[in-house]
């Protein structure tokens, strides 16, 4: 009986929803930590894009606007194919929320 519980896809879904909430609440460090839990569960490109988004927000809030802009560009590139929504995560909304919170990055 080697079945994983909950199944990897269900674990990934929960992680993505938690990360979405953290990003919308501007909890960028927590979002990045949550997304680390997704390693090996699938949709690596989506997860990586969301981690870049979290890094952009964190860097913007910590006085590193140039590095934040680079991270945001990486995020936009990786997340482009997942717009506007993927796996129940409003990808366009989380990108827009970060851009609205940190207008200097847009």
C-alpha atoms as a PDB file:
ATOM      1  CA  UNK A   1       0.000   0.000   0.000  1.00  0.00           C
ATOM      2  CA  UNK A   2       2.331   2.727  -1.301  1.00  0.00           C
ATOM      3  CA  UNK A   3      -0.364   5.225  -2.260  1.00  0.00           C
ATOM      4  CA  UNK A   4       0.401   8.771  -1.179  1.00  0.00           C
ATOM      5  CA  UNK A   5      -2.284  10.601   0.708  1.00  0.00           C
ATOM      6  CA  UNK A   6      -3.315  13.172  -0.115  1.00  0.00           C
ATOM      7  CA  UNK A   7      -2.390  12.546  -3.742  1.00  0.00           C
ATOM      8  CA  UNK A   8       0.303  14.835  -5.227  1.00  0.00           C
ATOM      9  CA  UNK A   9      -2.184  16.736  -7.409  1.00  0.00           C
ATOM     10  CA  UNK A  10      -4.371  17.532  -4.396  1.00  0.00           C
ATOM     11  CA  UNK A  11      -1.335  18.645  -2.380  1.00  0.00           C
ATOM     12  CA  UNK A  12      -0.224  20.865  -5.268  1.00  0.00           C
ATOM     13  CA  UNK A  13      -3.688  22.415  -5.489  1.00  0.00           C
ATOM     14  CA  UNK A  14      -3.685  23.266  -1.792  1.00  0.00           C
ATOM     15  CA  UNK A  15      -0.207  24.762  -2.034  1.00  0.00           C
ATOM     16  CA  UNK A  16      -1.191  26.898  -5.023  1.00  0.00           C
ATOM     17  CA  UNK A  17      -4.305  28.215  -3.275  1.00  0.00           C
ATOM     18  CA  UNK A  18      -2.321  29.045  -0.112  1.00  0.00           C
ATOM     19  CA  UNK A  19       0.361  30.799  -2.170  1.00  0.00           C
ATOM     20  CA  UNK A  20      -2.293  32.782  -4.042  1.00  0.00           C
ATOM     21  CA  UNK A  21      -3.694  34.015  -0.738  1.00  0.00           C
ATOM     22  CA  UNK A  22      -0.255  35.001   0.524  1.00  0.00           C
ATOM     23  CA  UNK A  23       0.504  36.903  -2.681  1.00  0.00           C
ATOM     24  CA  UNK A  24      -2.798  38.772  -2.564  1.00  0.00           C
ATOM     25  CA  UNK A  25      -2.106  39.737   1.068  1.00  0.00           C
ATOM     26  CA  UNK A  26       1.427  40.890   0.158  1.00  0.00           C
ATOM     27  CA  UNK A  27       2.979  38.121   2.265  1.00  0.00           C
ATOM     28  CA  UNK A  28       5.753  37.492  -0.214  1.00  0.00           C
ATOM     29  CA  UNK A  29       8.163  35.568   1.997  1.00  0.00           C
ATOM     30  CA  UNK A  30       5.410  33.227   3.153  1.00  0.00           C
ATOM     31  CA  UNK A  31       4.290  32.710  -0.458  1.00  0.00           C
ATOM     32  CA  UNK A  32       7.825  31.683  -1.449  1.00  0.00           C
ATOM     33  CA  UNK A  33       8.088  29.287   1.500  1.00  0.00           C
ATOM     34  CA  UNK A  34       4.720  27.760   0.631  1.00  0.00           C
ATOM     35  CA  UNK A  35       5.703  27.295  -3.013  1.00  0.00           C
ATOM     36  CA  UNK A  36       8.859  25.417  -1.974  1.00  0.00           C
ATOM     37  CA  UNK A  37       6.527  22.656  -0.761  1.00  0.00           C
ATOM     38  CA  UNK A  38       5.416  22.136  -4.379  1.00  0.00           C
ATOM     39  CA  UNK A  39       8.769  20.713  -5.505  1.00  0.00           C
ATOM     40  CA  UNK A  40       8.210  17.559  -7.511  1.00  0.00           C
ATOM     41  CA  UNK A  41       4.407  17.726  -7.419  1.00  0.00           C
ATOM     42  CA  UNK A  42       3.965  18.993 -10.989  1.00  0.00           C
ATOM     43  CA  UNK A  43       3.458  22.205 -12.960  1.00  0.00           C
ATOM     44  CA  UNK A  44       6.992  23.354 -12.241  1.00  0.00           C
ATOM     45  CA  UNK A  45       6.708  26.313 -14.646  1.00  0.00           C
ATOM     46  CA  UNK A  46       3.644  27.716 -12.862  1.00  0.00           C
ATOM     47  CA  UNK A  47       5.267  27.240  -9.472  1.00  0.00           C
ATOM     48  CA  UNK A  48       8.507  28.876 -10.664  1.00  0.00           C
ATOM     49  CA  UNK A  49       6.595  31.833 -12.093  1.00  0.00           C
ATOM     50  CA  UNK A  50       4.753  32.354  -8.830  1.00  0.00           C
ATOM     51  CA  UNK A  51       8.041  32.137  -6.912  1.00  0.00           C
ATOM     52  CA  UNK A  52       9.498  34.844  -9.171  1.00  0.00           C
ATOM     53  CA  UNK A  53       6.408  36.934  -8.425  1.00  0.00           C
ATOM     54  CA  UNK A  54       6.920  36.457  -4.690  1.00  0.00           C
ATOM     55  CA  UNK A  55      10.590  37.402  -5.081  1.00  0.00           C
ATOM     56  CA  UNK A  56       9.619  40.553  -6.987  1.00  0.00           C
ATOM     57  CA  UNK A  57       7.269  41.628  -4.230  1.00  0.00           C
ATOM     58  CA  UNK A  58       9.781  40.890  -1.502  1.00  0.00           C
ATOM     59  CA  UNK A  59      12.535  42.800  -3.291  1.00  0.00           C
ATOM     60  CA  UNK A  60      10.222  45.761  -3.960  1.00  0.00           C
ATOM     61  CA  UNK A  61       9.309  45.966  -0.289  1.00  0.00           C
ATOM     62  CA  UNK A  62      12.947  45.744   0.753  1.00  0.00           C
ATOM     63  CA  UNK A  63      14.291  48.611  -1.314  1.00  0.00           C
ATOM     64  CA  UNK A  64      15.608  46.692  -4.324  1.00  0.00           C
ATOM     65  CA  UNK A  65      13.513  48.071  -7.208  1.00  0.00           C
ATOM     66  CA  UNK A  66      15.897  47.064 -10.002  1.00  0.00           C
ATOM     67  CA  UNK A  67      16.085  43.474  -8.803  1.00  0.00           C
ATOM     68  CA  UNK A  68      12.317  43.490  -8.246  1.00  0.00           C
ATOM     69  CA  UNK A  69      11.735  44.551 -11.860  1.00  0.00           C
ATOM     70  CA  UNK A  70      13.938  41.709 -13.124  1.00  0.00           C
ATOM     71  CA  UNK A  71      12.057  39.188 -10.993  1.00  0.00           C
ATOM     72  CA  UNK A  72       8.731  40.564 -12.224  1.00  0.00           C
ATOM     73  CA  UNK A  73       9.866  40.166 -15.841  1.00  0.00           C
ATOM     74  CA  UNK A  74      10.862  36.541 -15.150  1.00  0.00           C
ATOM     75  CA  UNK A  75       7.454  36.003 -13.530  1.00  0.00           C
ATOM     76  CA  UNK A  76       5.572  37.532 -16.467  1.00  0.00           C
ATOM     77  CA  UNK A  77       7.477  35.367 -18.939  1.00  0.00           C
ATOM     78  CA  UNK A  78       6.862  32.138 -17.046  1.00  0.00           C
ATOM     79  CA  UNK A  79       3.246  32.913 -16.158  1.00  0.00           C
ATOM     80  CA  UNK A  80       2.167  34.143 -19.619  1.00  0.00           C
ATOM     81  CA  UNK A  81       0.848  30.748 -20.701  1.00  0.00           C
ATOM     82  CA  UNK A  82      -1.159  30.390 -17.479  1.00  0.00           C
ATOM     83  CA  UNK A  83      -3.122  33.632 -17.875  1.00  0.00           C
ATOM     84  CA  UNK A  84      -5.729  34.434 -16.823  1.00  0.00           C
ATOM     85  CA  UNK A  85      -6.226  31.367 -14.588  1.00  0.00           C
ATOM     86  CA  UNK A  86      -4.616  28.010 -13.933  1.00  0.00           C
ATOM     87  CA  UNK A  87      -5.497  25.330 -11.403  1.00  0.00           C
ATOM     88  CA  UNK A  88      -8.099  27.576  -9.803  1.00  0.00           C
ATOM     89  CA  UNK A  89      -5.492  30.287  -9.186  1.00  0.00           C
ATOM     90  CA  UNK A  90      -6.301  33.700 -10.623  1.00  0.00           C
ATOM     91  CA  UNK A  91      -2.827  34.218 -12.071  1.00  0.00           C
ATOM     92  CA  UNK A  92      -3.704  37.520 -13.767  1.00  0.00           C
ATOM     93  CA  UNK A  93      -5.148  38.826 -10.499  1.00  0.00           C
ATOM     94  CA  UNK A  94      -2.027  38.059  -8.454  1.00  0.00           C
ATOM     95  CA  UNK A  95       0.222  39.692 -11.067  1.00  0.00           C
ATOM     96  CA  UNK A  96      -2.062  42.730 -11.147  1.00  0.00           C
ATOM     97  CA  UNK A  97      -2.167  42.891  -7.342  1.00  0.00           C
ATOM     98  CA  UNK A  98       1.628  43.030  -7.177  1.00  0.00           C
ATOM     99  CA  UNK A  99       1.803  45.664  -9.905  1.00  0.00           C
ATOM    100  CA  UNK A 100      -0.869  47.765  -8.151  1.00  0.00           C
ATOM    101  CA  UNK A 101       0.886  47.471  -4.789  1.00  0.00           C
ATOM    102  CA  UNK A 102       4.233  48.411  -6.299  1.00  0.00           C
ATOM    103  CA  UNK A 103       3.408  50.778  -9.141  1.00  0.00           C
ATOM    104  CA  UNK A 104       7.075  51.549  -9.727  1.00  0.00           C
ATOM    105  CA  UNK A 105       7.499  48.035 -11.156  1.00  0.00           C
ATOM    106  CA  UNK A 106       4.814  48.193 -13.821  1.00  0.00           C
END
